[in-house]
Amino acid sequence: MKIDIIKIGNSQGIRIPKTIMEQCGFTNSVEMKIKDGNLVLSNHSVREGWSESFQSMAANEDDELLIDGTISTEYDEDWEW
């Protein structure tokens, strides 16, 4: 299938037909990669299964924070909390 590249603001893009979106299971976002000089779009499911993993970690008491959540910067020296 040939699809024209269209101008979108200062960028360019393509329109993916609804039937293709449905066949691929695409929703609001996709993963985009370059492989062997080709553009490859795939489902964006990075966080799939995270909830179950977190529950398992909590059950095994393996969910402690590795850092305290604060990152010091040069401004911390001048600022009084």
PDB file of N, CA and C in Angstrom:
ATOM      1  N   MET A   1       0.845  -1.170   0.000  1.00  0.00           N
ATOM      2  CA  MET A   1       0.000   0.000   0.000  1.00  0.00           C
ATOM      3  C   MET A   1       0.893   1.236   0.000  1.00  0.00           C
ATOM      4  N   LYS A   2       0.647   2.154  -0.888  1.00  0.00           N
ATOM      5  CA  LYS A   2       1.376   3.409  -0.955  1.00  0.00           C
ATOM      6  C   LYS A   2       0.632   4.456  -0.143  1.00  0.00           C
ATOM      7  N   ILE A   3       1.370   5.149   0.736  1.00  0.00           N
ATOM      8  CA  ILE A   3       0.779   6.217   1.545  1.00  0.00           C
ATOM      9  C   ILE A   3       1.631   7.464   1.342  1.00  0.00           C
ATOM     10  N   ASP A   4       0.980   8.582   1.092  1.00  0.00           N
ATOM     11  CA  ASP A   4       1.693   9.841   0.900  1.00  0.00           C
ATOM     12  C   ASP A   4       2.161  10.411   2.237  1.00  0.00           C
ATOM     13  N   ILE A   5       3.331  11.036   2.217  1.00  0.00           N
ATOM     14  CA  ILE A   5       3.836  11.755   3.379  1.00  0.00           C
ATOM     15  C   ILE A   5       3.240  13.148   3.334  1.00  0.00           C
ATOM     16  N   ILE A   6       2.695  13.587   4.483  1.00  0.00           N
ATOM     17  CA  ILE A   6       2.024  14.879   4.533  1.00  0.00           C
ATOM     18  C   ILE A   6       2.748  15.818   5.502  1.00  0.00           C
ATOM     19  N   LYS A   7       2.579  17.114   5.303  1.00  0.00           N
ATOM     20  CA  LYS A   7       3.162  18.112   6.183  1.00  0.00           C
ATOM     21  C   LYS A   7       2.254  18.297   7.391  1.00  0.00           C
ATOM     22  N   ILE A   8       2.864  18.257   8.587  1.00  0.00           N
ATOM     23  CA  ILE A   8       2.141  18.481   9.841  1.00  0.00           C
ATOM     24  C   ILE A   8       2.964  19.495  10.623  1.00  0.00           C
ATOM     25  N   GLY A   9       2.589  20.773  10.536  1.00  0.00           N
ATOM     26  CA  GLY A   9       3.377  21.823  11.172  1.00  0.00           C
ATOM     27  C   GLY A   9       4.757  21.881  10.545  1.00  0.00           C
ATOM     28  N   ASN A  10       5.799  21.830  11.370  1.00  0.00           N
ATOM     29  CA  ASN A  10       7.172  21.819  10.872  1.00  0.00           C
ATOM     30  C   ASN A  10       7.683  20.407  10.618  1.00  0.00           C
ATOM     31  N   SER A  11       6.835  19.408  10.842  1.00  0.00           N
ATOM     32  CA  SER A  11       7.223  18.011  10.675  1.00  0.00           C
ATOM     33  C   SER A  11       6.503  17.408   9.478  1.00  0.00           C
ATOM     34  N   GLN A  12       6.733  16.135   9.283  1.00  0.00           N
ATOM     35  CA  GLN A  12       6.020  15.383   8.264  1.00  0.00           C
ATOM     36  C   GLN A  12       5.493  14.116   8.899  1.00  0.00           C
ATOM     37  N   GLY A  13       4.444  13.557   8.322  1.00  0.00           N
ATOM     38  CA  GLY A  13       3.853  12.360   8.894  1.00  0.00           C
ATOM     39  C   GLY A  13       3.081  11.575   7.871  1.00  0.00           C
ATOM     40  N   ILE A  14       2.473  10.524   8.344  1.00  0.00           N
ATOM     41  CA  ILE A  14       1.613   9.689   7.502  1.00  0.00           C
ATOM     42  C   ILE A  14       0.285   9.496   8.214  1.00  0.00           C
ATOM     43  N   ARG A  15      -0.734   9.218   7.457  1.00  0.00           N
ATOM     44  CA  ARG A  15      -2.037   8.849   8.016  1.00  0.00           C
ATOM     45  C   ARG A  15      -2.144   7.336   7.910  1.00  0.00           C
ATOM     46  N   ILE A  16      -2.449   6.712   9.028  1.00  0.00           N
ATOM     47  CA  ILE A  16      -2.602   5.263   9.033  1.00  0.00           C
ATOM     48  C   ILE A  16      -4.096   4.958   8.942  1.00  0.00           C
ATOM     49  N   PRO A  17      -4.524   4.258   7.905  1.00  0.00           N
ATOM     50  CA  PRO A  17      -5.948   3.950   7.749  1.00  0.00           C
ATOM     51  C   PRO A  17      -6.498   3.174   8.946  1.00  0.00           C
ATOM     52  N   LYS A  18      -7.764   3.404   9.256  1.00  0.00           N
ATOM     53  CA  LYS A  18      -8.415   2.780  10.406  1.00  0.00           C
ATOM     54  C   LYS A  18      -8.307   1.259  10.361  1.00  0.00           C
ATOM     55  N   THR A  19      -8.478   0.668   9.194  1.00  0.00           N
ATOM     56  CA  THR A  19      -8.415  -0.792   9.090  1.00  0.00           C
ATOM     57  C   THR A  19      -7.025  -1.318   9.464  1.00  0.00           C
ATOM     58  N   ILE A  20      -5.986  -0.586   9.083  1.00  0.00           N
ATOM     59  CA  ILE A  20      -4.610  -0.980   9.436  1.00  0.00           C
ATOM     60  C   ILE A  20      -4.425  -0.839  10.948  1.00  0.00           C
ATOM     61  N   MET A  21      -4.925   0.270  11.521  1.00  0.00           N
ATOM     62  CA  MET A  21      -4.834   0.482  12.967  1.00  0.00           C
ATOM     63  C   MET A  21      -5.486  -0.687  13.714  1.00  0.00           C
ATOM     64  N   GLU A  22      -6.655  -1.088  13.250  1.00  0.00           N
ATOM     65  CA  GLU A  22      -7.382  -2.173  13.908  1.00  0.00           C
ATOM     66  C   GLU A  22      -6.653  -3.506  13.751  1.00  0.00           C
ATOM     67  N   GLN A  23      -6.143  -3.781  12.555  1.00  0.00           N
ATOM     68  CA  GLN A  23      -5.441  -5.040  12.318  1.00  0.00           C
ATOM     69  C   GLN A  23      -4.172  -5.155  13.163  1.00  0.00           C
ATOM     70  N   CYS A  24      -3.504  -4.026  13.384  1.00  0.00           N
ATOM     71  CA  CYS A  24      -2.265  -4.025  14.163  1.00  0.00           C
ATOM     72  C   CYS A  24      -2.522  -3.879  15.662  1.00  0.00           C
ATOM     73  N   GLY A  25      -3.738  -3.513  16.029  1.00  0.00           N
ATOM     74  CA  GLY A  25      -4.057  -3.313  17.430  1.00  0.00           C
ATOM     75  C   GLY A  25      -3.514  -2.011  17.989  1.00  0.00           C
ATOM     76  N   PHE A  26      -3.223  -1.028  17.112  1.00  0.00           N
ATOM     77  CA  PHE A  26      -2.718   0.265  17.552  1.00  0.00           C
ATOM     78  C   PHE A  26      -3.841   1.060  18.206  1.00  0.00           C
ATOM     79  N   THR A  27      -3.500   1.794  19.268  1.00  0.00           N
ATOM     80  CA  THR A  27      -4.480   2.647  19.935  1.00  0.00           C
ATOM     81  C   THR A  27      -3.982   4.086  19.892  1.00  0.00           C
ATOM     82  N   ASN A  28      -3.507   4.624  21.010  1.00  0.00           N
ATOM     83  CA  ASN A  28      -3.092   6.029  21.063  1.00  0.00           C
ATOM     84  C   ASN A  28      -1.608   6.250  20.798  1.00  0.00           C
ATOM     85  N   SER A  29      -0.781   5.235  20.959  1.00  0.00           N
ATOM     86  CA  SER A  29       0.650   5.412  20.720  1.00  0.00           C
ATOM     87  C   SER A  29       1.243   4.110  20.183  1.00  0.00           C
ATOM     88  N   VAL A  30       2.352   4.253  19.488  1.00  0.00           N
ATOM     89  CA  VAL A  30       3.061   3.103  18.932  1.00  0.00           C
ATOM     90  C   VAL A  30       4.547   3.249  19.243  1.00  0.00           C
ATOM     91  N   GLU A  31       5.254   2.151  19.180  1.00  0.00           N
ATOM     92  CA  GLU A  31       6.700   2.145  19.319  1.00  0.00           C
ATOM     93  C   GLU A  31       7.275   2.281  17.908  1.00  0.00           C
ATOM     94  N   MET A  32       8.235   3.194  17.722  1.00  0.00           N
ATOM     95  CA  MET A  32       8.813   3.434  16.404  1.00  0.00           C
ATOM     96  C   MET A  32      10.305   3.120  16.451  1.00  0.00           C
ATOM     97  N   LYS A  33      10.772   2.286  15.513  1.00  0.00           N
ATOM     98  CA  LYS A  33      12.183   1.896  15.435  1.00  0.00           C
ATOM     99  C   LYS A  33      12.640   1.953  13.988  1.00  0.00           C
ATOM    100  N   ILE A  34      13.931   2.073  13.817  1.00  0.00           N
ATOM    101  CA  ILE A  34      14.544   1.934  12.503  1.00  0.00           C
ATOM    102  C   ILE A  34      15.282   0.598  12.522  1.00  0.00           C
ATOM    103  N   LYS A  35      14.964  -0.294  11.601  1.00  0.00           N
ATOM    104  CA  LYS A  35      15.603  -1.601  11.529  1.00  0.00           C
ATOM    105  C   LYS A  35      15.991  -1.873  10.088  1.00  0.00           C
ATOM    106  N   ASP A  36      17.286  -2.028   9.865  1.00  0.00           N
ATOM    107  CA  ASP A  36      17.816  -2.288   8.515  1.00  0.00           C
ATOM    108  C   ASP A  36      17.353  -1.224   7.519  1.00  0.00           C
ATOM    109  N   GLY A  37      17.321   0.034   7.962  1.00  0.00           N
ATOM    110  CA  GLY A  37      16.937   1.132   7.092  1.00  0.00           C
ATOM    111  C   GLY A  37      15.447   1.270   6.854  1.00  0.00           C
ATOM    112  N   ASN A  38      14.646   0.514   7.591  1.00  0.00           N
ATOM    113  CA  ASN A  38      13.193   0.569   7.450  1.00  0.00           C
ATOM    114  C   ASN A  38      12.562   1.096   8.729  1.00  0.00           C
ATOM    115  N   LEU A  39      11.481   1.829   8.579  1.00  0.00           N
ATOM    116  CA  LEU A  39      10.705   2.309   9.720  1.00  0.00           C
ATOM    117  C   LEU A  39       9.763   1.198  10.154  1.00  0.00           C
ATOM    118  N   VAL A  40       9.837   0.826  11.429  1.00  0.00           N
ATOM    119  CA  VAL A  40       8.998  -0.248  11.955  1.00  0.00           C
ATOM    120  C   VAL A  40       8.139   0.314  13.081  1.00  0.00           C
ATOM    121  N   LEU A  41       6.831   0.168  12.967  1.00  0.00           N
ATOM    122  CA  LEU A  41       5.893   0.577  14.008  1.00  0.00           C
ATOM    123  C   LEU A  41       5.344  -0.673  14.668  1.00  0.00           C
ATOM    124  N   SER A  42       5.291  -0.664  15.994  1.00  0.00           N
ATOM    125  CA  SER A  42       4.717  -1.795  16.720  1.00  0.00           C
ATOM    126  C   SER A  42       3.944  -1.273  17.919  1.00  0.00           C
ATOM    127  N   ASN A  43       3.156  -2.147  18.522  1.00  0.00           N
ATOM    128  CA  ASN A  43       2.369  -1.756  19.696  1.00  0.00           C
ATOM    129  C   ASN A  43       3.287  -1.261  20.794  1.00  0.00           C
ATOM    130  N   HIS A  44       2.846  -0.221  21.471  1.00  0.00           N
ATOM    131  CA  HIS A  44       3.590   0.333  22.600  1.00  0.00           C
ATOM    132  C   HIS A  44       3.051  -0.333  23.861  1.00  0.00           C
ATOM    133  N   SER A  45       3.753  -1.357  24.345  1.00  0.00           N
ATOM    134  CA  SER A  45       3.265  -2.097  25.510  1.00  0.00           C
ATOM    135  C   SER A  45       4.370  -2.288  26.537  1.00  0.00           C
ATOM    136  N   VAL A  46       5.179  -1.262  26.724  1.00  0.00           N
ATOM    137  CA  VAL A  46       6.314  -1.345  27.631  1.00  0.00           C
ATOM    138  C   VAL A  46       5.878  -1.701  29.039  1.00  0.00           C
ATOM    139  N   ARG A  47       4.787  -1.140  29.506  1.00  0.00           N
ATOM    140  CA  ARG A  47       4.370  -1.330  30.888  1.00  0.00           C
ATOM    141  C   ARG A  47       3.402  -2.494  31.076  1.00  0.00           C
ATOM    142  N   GLU A  48       3.199  -3.265  30.037  1.00  0.00           N
ATOM    143  CA  GLU A  48       2.303  -4.403  30.149  1.00  0.00           C
ATOM    144  C   GLU A  48       2.871  -5.389  31.178  1.00  0.00           C
ATOM    145  N   GLY A  49       2.066  -5.776  32.146  1.00  0.00           N
ATOM    146  CA  GLY A  49       2.498  -6.727  33.162  1.00  0.00           C
ATOM    147  C   GLY A  49       3.191  -6.089  34.359  1.00  0.00           C
ATOM    148  N   TRP A  50       3.377  -4.759  34.345  1.00  0.00           N
ATOM    149  CA  TRP A  50       4.053  -4.096  35.460  1.00  0.00           C
ATOM    150  C   TRP A  50       3.279  -4.257  36.752  1.00  0.00           C
ATOM    151  N   SER A  51       1.974  -4.146  36.715  1.00  0.00           N
ATOM    152  CA  SER A  51       1.170  -4.234  37.933  1.00  0.00           C
ATOM    153  C   SER A  51       1.403  -5.571  38.628  1.00  0.00           C
ATOM    154  N   GLU A  52       1.371  -6.651  37.867  1.00  0.00           N
ATOM    155  CA  GLU A  52       1.597  -7.977  38.431  1.00  0.00           C
ATOM    156  C   GLU A  52       3.010  -8.105  38.980  1.00  0.00           C
ATOM    157  N   SER A  53       3.984  -7.538  38.279  1.00  0.00           N
ATOM    158  CA  SER A  53       5.372  -7.589  38.741  1.00  0.00           C
ATOM    159  C   SER A  53       5.540  -6.839  40.050  1.00  0.00           C
ATOM    160  N   PHE A  54       4.917  -5.669  40.153  1.00  0.00           N
ATOM    161  CA  PHE A  54       5.008  -4.892  41.385  1.00  0.00           C
ATOM    162  C   PHE A  54       4.354  -5.638  42.553  1.00  0.00           C
ATOM    163  N   GLN A  55       3.223  -6.277  42.294  1.00  0.00           N
ATOM    164  CA  GLN A  55       2.555  -7.035  43.347  1.00  0.00           C
ATOM    165  C   GLN A  55       3.423  -8.194  43.813  1.00  0.00           C
ATOM    166  N   SER A  56       4.073  -8.862  42.867  1.00  0.00           N
ATOM    167  CA  SER A  56       4.971  -9.961  43.202  1.00  0.00           C
ATOM    168  C   SER A  56       6.166  -9.477  44.012  1.00  0.00           C
ATOM    169  N   MET A  57       6.729  -8.332  43.607  1.00  0.00           N
ATOM    170  CA  MET A  57       7.857  -7.764  44.346  1.00  0.00           C
ATOM    171  C   MET A  57       7.440  -7.414  45.773  1.00  0.00           C
ATOM    172  N   ALA A  58       6.274  -6.824  45.942  1.00  0.00           N
ATOM    173  CA  ALA A  58       5.791  -6.455  47.276  1.00  0.00           C
ATOM    174  C   ALA A  58       5.597  -7.703  48.128  1.00  0.00           C
ATOM    175  N   ALA A  59       5.044  -8.751  47.546  1.00  0.00           N
ATOM    176  CA  ALA A  59       4.827 -10.002  48.283  1.00  0.00           C
ATOM    177  C   ALA A  59       6.152 -10.608  48.733  1.00  0.00           C
ATOM    178  N   ASN A  60       7.213 -10.423  47.934  1.00  0.00           N
ATOM    179  CA  ASN A  60       8.536 -10.951  48.265  1.00  0.00           C
ATOM    180  C   ASN A  60       9.383  -9.954  49.064  1.00  0.00           C
ATOM    181  N   GLU A  61       8.760  -8.834  49.450  1.00  0.00           N
ATOM    182  CA  GLU A  61       9.444  -7.754  50.165  1.00  0.00           C
ATOM    183  C   GLU A  61      10.699  -7.288  49.414  1.00  0.00           C
ATOM    184  N   ASP A  62      10.574  -7.221  48.095  1.00  0.00           N
ATOM    185  CA  ASP A  62      11.672  -6.801  47.227  1.00  0.00           C
ATOM    186  C   ASP A  62      11.327  -5.477  46.542  1.00  0.00           C
ATOM    187  N   ASP A  63      10.620  -4.599  47.272  1.00  0.00           N
ATOM    188  CA  ASP A  63      10.156  -3.365  46.661  1.00  0.00           C
ATOM    189  C   ASP A  63      10.666  -2.117  47.372  1.00  0.00           C
ATOM    190  N   GLU A  64      11.819  -2.210  48.042  1.00  0.00           N
ATOM    191  CA  GLU A  64      12.359  -1.025  48.711  1.00  0.00           C
ATOM    192  C   GLU A  64      12.981  -0.079  47.685  1.00  0.00           C
ATOM    193  N   LEU A  65      12.929   1.222  47.997  1.00  0.00           N
ATOM    194  CA  LEU A  65      13.516   2.222  47.113  1.00  0.00           C
ATOM    195  C   LEU A  65      15.032   2.106  47.117  1.00  0.00           C
ATOM    196  N   LEU A  66      15.635   2.233  45.957  1.00  0.00           N
ATOM    197  CA  LEU A  66      17.090   2.165  45.860  1.00  0.00           C
ATOM    198  C   LEU A  66      17.732   3.529  46.037  1.00  0.00           C
ATOM    199  N   ILE A  67      16.956   4.589  45.825  1.00  0.00           N
ATOM    200  CA  ILE A  67      17.425   5.949  46.063  1.00  0.00           C
ATOM    201  C   ILE A  67      16.373   6.661  46.894  1.00  0.00           C
ATOM    202  N   ASP A  68      16.775   7.736  47.541  1.00  0.00           N
ATOM    203  CA  ASP A  68      15.824   8.411  48.429  1.00  0.00           C
ATOM    204  C   ASP A  68      14.859   9.351  47.704  1.00  0.00           C
ATOM    205  N   GLY A  69      14.974   9.465  46.409  1.00  0.00           N
ATOM    206  CA  GLY A  69      14.027  10.275  45.643  1.00  0.00           C
ATOM    207  C   GLY A  69      14.410  11.728  45.503  1.00  0.00           C
ATOM    208  N   THR A  70      15.530  12.129  46.094  1.00  0.00           N
ATOM    209  CA  THR A  70      15.975  13.515  45.947  1.00  0.00           C
ATOM    210  C   THR A  70      17.323  13.542  45.248  1.00  0.00           C
ATOM    211  N   ILE A  71      17.502  14.516  44.431  1.00  0.00           N
ATOM    212  CA  ILE A  71      18.764  14.717  43.732  1.00  0.00           C
ATOM    213  C   ILE A  71      19.244  16.112  44.074  1.00  0.00           C
ATOM    214  N   SER A  72      20.396  16.206  44.684  1.00  0.00           N
ATOM    215  CA  SER A  72      20.937  17.505  45.068  1.00  0.00           C
ATOM    216  C   SER A  72      21.434  18.255  43.842  1.00  0.00           C
ATOM    217  N   THR A  73      21.236  19.561  43.861  1.00  0.00           N
ATOM    218  CA  THR A  73      21.739  20.423  42.799  1.00  0.00           C
ATOM    219  C   THR A  73      22.506  21.567  43.440  1.00  0.00           C
ATOM    220  N   GLU A  74      23.129  22.380  42.612  1.00  0.00           N
ATOM    221  CA  GLU A  74      23.885  23.524  43.120  1.00  0.00           C
ATOM    222  C   GLU A  74      22.991  24.527  43.842  1.00  0.00           C
ATOM    223  N   TYR A  75      21.693  24.527  43.522  1.00  0.00           N
ATOM    224  CA  TYR A  75      20.765  25.471  44.122  1.00  0.00           C
ATOM    225  C   TYR A  75      20.418  25.105  45.567  1.00  0.00           C
ATOM    226  N   ASP A  76      20.585  23.837  45.940  1.00  0.00           N
ATOM    227  CA  ASP A  76      20.275  23.405  47.297  1.00  0.00           C
ATOM    228  C   ASP A  76      21.151  24.098  48.332  1.00  0.00           C
ATOM    229  N   GLU A  77      22.372  24.443  47.951  1.00  0.00           N
ATOM    230  CA  GLU A  77      23.295  25.105  48.875  1.00  0.00           C
ATOM    231  C   GLU A  77      22.817  26.512  49.209  1.00  0.00           C
ATOM    232  N   ASP A  78      22.176  27.191  48.268  1.00  0.00           N
ATOM    233  CA  ASP A  78      21.725  28.564  48.464  1.00  0.00           C
ATOM    234  C   ASP A  78      20.334  28.668  49.055  1.00  0.00           C
ATOM    235  N   TRP A  79      19.572  27.597  49.039  1.00  0.00           N
ATOM    236  CA  TRP A  79      18.172  27.629  49.427  1.00  0.00           C
ATOM    237  C   TRP A  79      18.014  27.098  50.847  1.00  0.00           C
ATOM    238  N   GLU A  80      17.236  27.781  51.641  1.00  0.00           N
ATOM    239  CA  GLU A  80      16.967  27.336  52.991  1.00  0.00           C
ATOM    240  C   GLU A  80      15.548  26.793  53.042  1.00  0.00           C
ATOM    241  N   TRP A  81      15.403  25.531  53.443  1.00  0.00           N
ATOM    242  CA  TRP A  81      14.093  24.874  53.469  1.00  0.00           C
ATOM    243  C   TRP A  81      13.415  25.099  54.773  1.00  0.00           C
TER     244      TRP A  81
END
